[in-house]
């Protein structure tokens, strides 16, 4: 499979490929890029995540 073939795959198709070919690092990186660039993705600063995690751990 070449990079150009990854470009033509849907996210679901590429996920299935990555699951069946875990050694294919290029495919994994392409899938991560697709997730990062997905519309509607919410970007949260690391500091905010750490603060929220600490807060929730104290609540439990």
PDB file of N, CA and C in Angstrom:
ATOM      1  N   UNK A   1       0.863  -1.175   0.000  1.00  0.00           N
ATOM      2  CA  UNK A   1       0.000   0.000   0.000  1.00  0.00           C
ATOM      3  C   UNK A   1       0.898   1.223   0.000  1.00  0.00           C
ATOM      4  N   UNK A   2       0.577   2.186  -0.838  1.00  0.00           N
ATOM      5  CA  UNK A   2       1.378   3.400  -0.903  1.00  0.00           C
ATOM      6  C   UNK A   2       0.625   4.552  -0.271  1.00  0.00           C
ATOM      7  N   UNK A   3       1.346   5.623  -0.011  1.00  0.00           N
ATOM      8  CA  UNK A   3       0.737   6.788   0.623  1.00  0.00           C
ATOM      9  C   UNK A   3      -0.433   7.306  -0.198  1.00  0.00           C
ATOM     10  N   UNK A   4      -0.309   7.302  -1.510  1.00  0.00           N
ATOM     11  CA  UNK A   4      -1.394   7.806  -2.350  1.00  0.00           C
ATOM     12  C   UNK A   4      -2.661   6.972  -2.166  1.00  0.00           C
ATOM     13  N   UNK A   5      -2.515   5.686  -1.903  1.00  0.00           N
ATOM     14  CA  UNK A   5      -3.684   4.848  -1.639  1.00  0.00           C
ATOM     15  C   UNK A   5      -4.344   5.232  -0.329  1.00  0.00           C
ATOM     16  N   UNK A   6      -3.563   5.633   0.664  1.00  0.00           N
ATOM     17  CA  UNK A   6      -4.121   6.059   1.938  1.00  0.00           C
ATOM     18  C   UNK A   6      -4.970   7.309   1.755  1.00  0.00           C
ATOM     19  N   UNK A   7      -4.535   8.188   0.875  1.00  0.00           N
ATOM     20  CA  UNK A   7      -5.257   9.434   0.633  1.00  0.00           C
ATOM     21  C   UNK A   7      -6.677   9.172   0.138  1.00  0.00           C
ATOM     22  N   UNK A   8      -6.883   8.106  -0.610  1.00  0.00           N
ATOM     23  CA  UNK A   8      -8.189   7.800  -1.166  1.00  0.00           C
ATOM     24  C   UNK A   8      -9.100   7.026  -0.233  1.00  0.00           C
ATOM     25  N   UNK A   9      -8.596   6.635   0.930  1.00  0.00           N
ATOM     26  CA  UNK A   9      -9.387   5.838   1.872  1.00  0.00           C
ATOM     27  C   UNK A   9     -10.199   6.734   2.784  1.00  0.00           C
ATOM     28  N   UNK A  10     -11.357   6.231   3.187  1.00  0.00           N
ATOM     29  CA  UNK A  10     -12.127   6.921   4.217  1.00  0.00           C
ATOM     30  C   UNK A  10     -11.453   6.646   5.561  1.00  0.00           C
ATOM     31  N   UNK A  11     -11.866   7.382   6.573  1.00  0.00           N
ATOM     32  CA  UNK A  11     -11.289   7.178   7.894  1.00  0.00           C
ATOM     33  C   UNK A  11     -11.561   5.764   8.394  1.00  0.00           C
ATOM     34  N   UNK A  12     -12.761   5.262   8.148  1.00  0.00           N
ATOM     35  CA  UNK A  12     -13.117   3.915   8.589  1.00  0.00           C
ATOM     36  C   UNK A  12     -12.287   2.860   7.848  1.00  0.00           C
ATOM     37  N   UNK A  13     -12.080   3.056   6.548  1.00  0.00           N
ATOM     38  CA  UNK A  13     -11.272   2.109   5.765  1.00  0.00           C
ATOM     39  C   UNK A  13      -9.828   2.099   6.257  1.00  0.00           C
ATOM     40  N   UNK A  14      -9.297   3.294   6.511  1.00  0.00           N
ATOM     41  CA  UNK A  14      -7.911   3.369   6.969  1.00  0.00           C
ATOM     42  C   UNK A  14      -7.766   2.770   8.366  1.00  0.00           C
ATOM     43  N   UNK A  15      -8.749   2.998   9.233  1.00  0.00           N
ATOM     44  CA  UNK A  15      -8.713   2.387  10.563  1.00  0.00           C
ATOM     45  C   UNK A  15      -8.695   0.862  10.452  1.00  0.00           C
ATOM     46  N   UNK A  16      -9.519   0.316   9.586  1.00  0.00           N
ATOM     47  CA  UNK A  16      -9.542  -1.139   9.394  1.00  0.00           C
ATOM     48  C   UNK A  16      -8.191  -1.628   8.888  1.00  0.00           C
ATOM     49  N   UNK A  17      -7.587  -0.878   7.970  1.00  0.00           N
ATOM     50  CA  UNK A  17      -6.270  -1.250   7.448  1.00  0.00           C
ATOM     51  C   UNK A  17      -5.223  -1.215   8.567  1.00  0.00           C
ATOM     52  N   UNK A  18      -5.236  -0.156   9.358  1.00  0.00           N
ATOM     53  CA  UNK A  18      -4.252  -0.017  10.447  1.00  0.00           C
ATOM     54  C   UNK A  18      -4.412  -1.154  11.456  1.00  0.00           C
ATOM     55  N   UNK A  19      -5.643  -1.508  11.756  1.00  0.00           N
ATOM     56  CA  UNK A  19      -5.870  -2.612  12.702  1.00  0.00           C
ATOM     57  C   UNK A  19      -5.365  -3.943  12.167  1.00  0.00           C
ATOM     58  N   UNK A  20      -5.480  -4.144  10.863  1.00  0.00           N
ATOM     59  CA  UNK A  20      -5.032  -5.411  10.292  1.00  0.00           C
ATOM     60  C   UNK A  20      -3.552  -5.401   9.902  1.00  0.00           C
ATOM     61  N   UNK A  21      -2.924  -4.218   9.908  1.00  0.00           N
ATOM     62  CA  UNK A  21      -1.495  -4.085   9.582  1.00  0.00           C
ATOM     63  C   UNK A  21      -0.811  -3.203  10.633  1.00  0.00           C
ATOM     64  N   UNK A  22      -0.748  -3.639  11.885  1.00  0.00           N
ATOM     65  CA  UNK A  22      -0.196  -2.792  12.949  1.00  0.00           C
ATOM     66  C   UNK A  22       1.273  -2.419  12.752  1.00  0.00           C
ATOM     67  N   UNK A  23       1.980  -3.130  11.911  1.00  0.00           N
ATOM     68  CA  UNK A  23       3.386  -2.821  11.669  1.00  0.00           C
ATOM     69  C   UNK A  23       3.567  -1.674  10.674  1.00  0.00           C
ATOM     70  N   UNK A  24       2.500  -1.248  10.001  1.00  0.00           N
ATOM     71  CA  UNK A  24       2.594  -0.196   8.981  1.00  0.00           C
ATOM     72  C   UNK A  24       2.518   1.176   9.652  1.00  0.00           C
ATOM     73  N   UNK A  25       3.671   1.706  10.000  1.00  0.00           N
ATOM     74  CA  UNK A  25       3.773   2.980  10.710  1.00  0.00           C
ATOM     75  C   UNK A  25       3.259   4.134   9.850  1.00  0.00           C
ATOM     76  N   UNK A  26       3.527   4.103   8.572  1.00  0.00           N
ATOM     77  CA  UNK A  26       3.065   5.169   7.679  1.00  0.00           C
ATOM     78  C   UNK A  26       1.535   5.254   7.692  1.00  0.00           C
ATOM     79  N   UNK A  27       0.870   4.128   7.647  1.00  0.00           N
ATOM     80  CA  UNK A  27      -0.597   4.107   7.677  1.00  0.00           C
ATOM     81  C   UNK A  27      -1.101   4.641   9.014  1.00  0.00           C
ATOM     82  N   UNK A  28      -0.456   4.250  10.100  1.00  0.00           N
ATOM     83  CA  UNK A  28      -0.848   4.735  11.425  1.00  0.00           C
ATOM     84  C   UNK A  28      -0.737   6.253  11.500  1.00  0.00           C
ATOM     85  N   UNK A  29       0.369   6.801  10.994  1.00  0.00           N
ATOM     86  CA  UNK A  29       0.556   8.247  11.017  1.00  0.00           C
ATOM     87  C   UNK A  29      -0.485   8.955  10.161  1.00  0.00           C
ATOM     88  N   UNK A  30      -0.816   8.390   9.021  1.00  0.00           N
ATOM     89  CA  UNK A  30      -1.850   8.979   8.167  1.00  0.00           C
ATOM     90  C   UNK A  30      -3.184   8.977   8.890  1.00  0.00           C
ATOM     91  N   UNK A  31      -3.501   7.897   9.597  1.00  0.00           N
ATOM     92  CA  UNK A  31      -4.748   7.830  10.349  1.00  0.00           C
ATOM     93  C   UNK A  31      -4.762   8.893  11.455  1.00  0.00           C
ATOM     94  N   UNK A  32      -3.662   9.051  12.170  1.00  0.00           N
ATOM     95  CA  UNK A  32      -3.586  10.073  13.213  1.00  0.00           C
ATOM     96  C   UNK A  32      -3.762  11.471  12.617  1.00  0.00           C
ATOM     97  N   UNK A  33      -3.181  11.700  11.430  1.00  0.00           N
ATOM     98  CA  UNK A  33      -3.365  12.985  10.741  1.00  0.00           C
ATOM     99  C   UNK A  33      -4.835  13.217  10.416  1.00  0.00           C
ATOM    100  N   UNK A  34      -5.523  12.163   9.967  1.00  0.00           N
ATOM    101  CA  UNK A  34      -6.952  12.289   9.652  1.00  0.00           C
ATOM    102  C   UNK A  34      -7.747  12.667  10.903  1.00  0.00           C
ATOM    103  N   UNK A  35      -7.424  12.041  12.014  1.00  0.00           N
ATOM    104  CA  UNK A  35      -8.126  12.360  13.259  1.00  0.00           C
ATOM    105  C   UNK A  35      -7.862  13.800  13.681  1.00  0.00           C
ATOM    106  N   UNK A  36      -6.618  14.220  13.561  1.00  0.00           N
ATOM    107  CA  UNK A  36      -6.244  15.581  13.952  1.00  0.00           C
ATOM    108  C   UNK A  36      -6.957  16.625  13.100  1.00  0.00           C
ATOM    109  N   UNK A  37      -7.134  16.328  11.819  1.00  0.00           N
ATOM    110  CA  UNK A  37      -7.712  17.285  10.892  1.00  0.00           C
ATOM    111  C   UNK A  37      -9.228  17.159  10.737  1.00  0.00           C
ATOM    112  N   UNK A  38      -9.845  16.263  11.500  1.00  0.00           N
ATOM    113  CA  UNK A  38     -11.288  16.025  11.372  1.00  0.00           C
ATOM    114  C   UNK A  38     -12.078  17.278  11.749  1.00  0.00           C
ATOM    115  N   UNK A  39     -13.126  17.582  10.983  1.00  0.00           N
ATOM    116  CA  UNK A  39     -13.952  18.746  11.320  1.00  0.00           C
ATOM    117  C   UNK A  39     -14.654  18.539  12.662  1.00  0.00           C
ATOM    118  N   UNK A  40     -14.817  19.618  13.389  1.00  0.00           N
ATOM    119  CA  UNK A  40     -15.497  19.550  14.670  1.00  0.00           C
ATOM    120  C   UNK A  40     -14.607  19.142  15.826  1.00  0.00           C
ATOM    121  N   UNK A  41     -13.342  18.918  15.540  1.00  0.00           N
ATOM    122  CA  UNK A  41     -12.410  18.509  16.596  1.00  0.00           C
ATOM    123  C   UNK A  41     -12.204  19.669  17.561  1.00  0.00           C
ATOM    124  N   UNK A  42     -12.225  19.374  18.827  1.00  0.00           N
ATOM    125  CA  UNK A  42     -12.025  20.392  19.853  1.00  0.00           C
ATOM    126  C   UNK A  42     -10.583  20.312  20.328  1.00  0.00           C
ATOM    127  N   UNK A  43      -9.898  21.443  20.287  1.00  0.00           N
ATOM    128  CA  UNK A  43      -8.510  21.486  20.742  1.00  0.00           C
ATOM    129  C   UNK A  43      -8.482  22.040  22.165  1.00  0.00           C
ATOM    130  N   UNK A  44      -7.853  21.280  23.058  1.00  0.00           N
ATOM    131  CA  UNK A  44      -7.780  21.667  24.466  1.00  0.00           C
ATOM    132  C   UNK A  44      -6.310  21.702  24.868  1.00  0.00           C
ATOM    133  N   UNK A  45      -5.881  22.799  25.474  1.00  0.00           N
ATOM    134  CA  UNK A  45      -4.483  22.877  25.926  1.00  0.00           C
ATOM    135  C   UNK A  45      -4.183  21.811  26.975  1.00  0.00           C
ATOM    136  N   UNK A  46      -2.961  21.315  26.969  1.00  0.00           N
ATOM    137  CA  UNK A  46      -2.540  20.267  27.897  1.00  0.00           C
ATOM    138  C   UNK A  46      -2.767  20.703  29.340  1.00  0.00           C
ATOM    139  N   UNK A  47      -2.482  21.957  29.635  1.00  0.00           N
ATOM    140  CA  UNK A  47      -2.648  22.450  31.005  1.00  0.00           C
ATOM    141  C   UNK A  47      -4.102  22.319  31.456  1.00  0.00           C
ATOM    142  N   UNK A  48      -5.035  22.580  30.568  1.00  0.00           N
ATOM    143  CA  UNK A  48      -6.450  22.479  30.915  1.00  0.00           C
ATOM    144  C   UNK A  48      -6.834  21.021  31.175  1.00  0.00           C
ATOM    145  N   UNK A  49      -6.287  20.122  30.393  1.00  0.00           N
ATOM    146  CA  UNK A  49      -6.561  18.695  30.589  1.00  0.00           C
ATOM    147  C   UNK A  49      -6.023  18.244  31.945  1.00  0.00           C
ATOM    148  N   UNK A  50      -4.801  18.653  32.259  1.00  0.00           N
ATOM    149  CA  UNK A  50      -4.195  18.265  33.535  1.00  0.00           C
ATOM    150  C   UNK A  50      -5.005  18.799  34.709  1.00  0.00           C
ATOM    151  N   UNK A  51      -5.465  20.041  34.625  1.00  0.00           N
ATOM    152  CA  UNK A  51      -6.261  20.645  35.683  1.00  0.00           C
ATOM    153  C   UNK A  51      -7.573  19.895  35.866  1.00  0.00           C
ATOM    154  N   UNK A  52      -8.251  19.597  34.755  1.00  0.00           N
ATOM    155  CA  UNK A  52      -9.521  18.890  34.819  1.00  0.00           C
ATOM    156  C   UNK A  52      -9.334  17.469  35.359  1.00  0.00           C
ATOM    157  N   UNK A  53      -8.282  16.806  34.950  1.00  0.00           N
ATOM    158  CA  UNK A  53      -8.005  15.455  35.441  1.00  0.00           C
ATOM    159  C   UNK A  53      -7.770  15.466  36.942  1.00  0.00           C
ATOM    160  N   UNK A  54      -6.960  16.396  37.423  1.00  0.00           N
ATOM    161  CA  UNK A  54      -6.693  16.498  38.851  1.00  0.00           C
ATOM    162  C   UNK A  54      -7.981  16.774  39.619  1.00  0.00           C
ATOM    163  N   UNK A  55      -8.819  17.643  39.092  1.00  0.00           N
ATOM    164  CA  UNK A  55     -10.093  17.978  39.730  1.00  0.00           C
ATOM    165  C   UNK A  55     -10.978  16.726  39.834  1.00  0.00           C
ATOM    166  N   UNK A  56     -11.080  15.988  38.759  1.00  0.00           N
ATOM    167  CA  UNK A  56     -11.931  14.801  38.752  1.00  0.00           C
ATOM    168  C   UNK A  56     -11.385  13.692  39.646  1.00  0.00           C
ATOM    169  N   UNK A  57     -10.078  13.586  39.741  1.00  0.00           N
ATOM    170  CA  UNK A  57      -9.479  12.589  40.626  1.00  0.00           C
ATOM    171  C   UNK A  57      -9.758  12.920  42.086  1.00  0.00           C
ATOM    172  N   UNK A  58      -9.781  14.200  42.424  1.00  0.00           N
ATOM    173  CA  UNK A  58     -10.070  14.601  43.788  1.00  0.00           C
ATOM    174  C   UNK A  58     -11.540  14.353  44.139  1.00  0.00           C
ATOM    175  N   UNK A  59     -12.414  14.465  43.134  1.00  0.00           N
ATOM    176  CA  UNK A  59     -13.854  14.254  43.357  1.00  0.00           C
ATOM    177  C   UNK A  59     -14.192  12.792  43.596  1.00  0.00           C
ATOM    178  N   UNK A  60     -13.387  11.888  43.066  1.00  0.00           N
ATOM    179  CA  UNK A  60     -13.739  10.459  43.169  1.00  0.00           C
ATOM    180  C   UNK A  60     -13.201   9.807  44.412  1.00  0.00           C
TER     181      UNK A  60
END
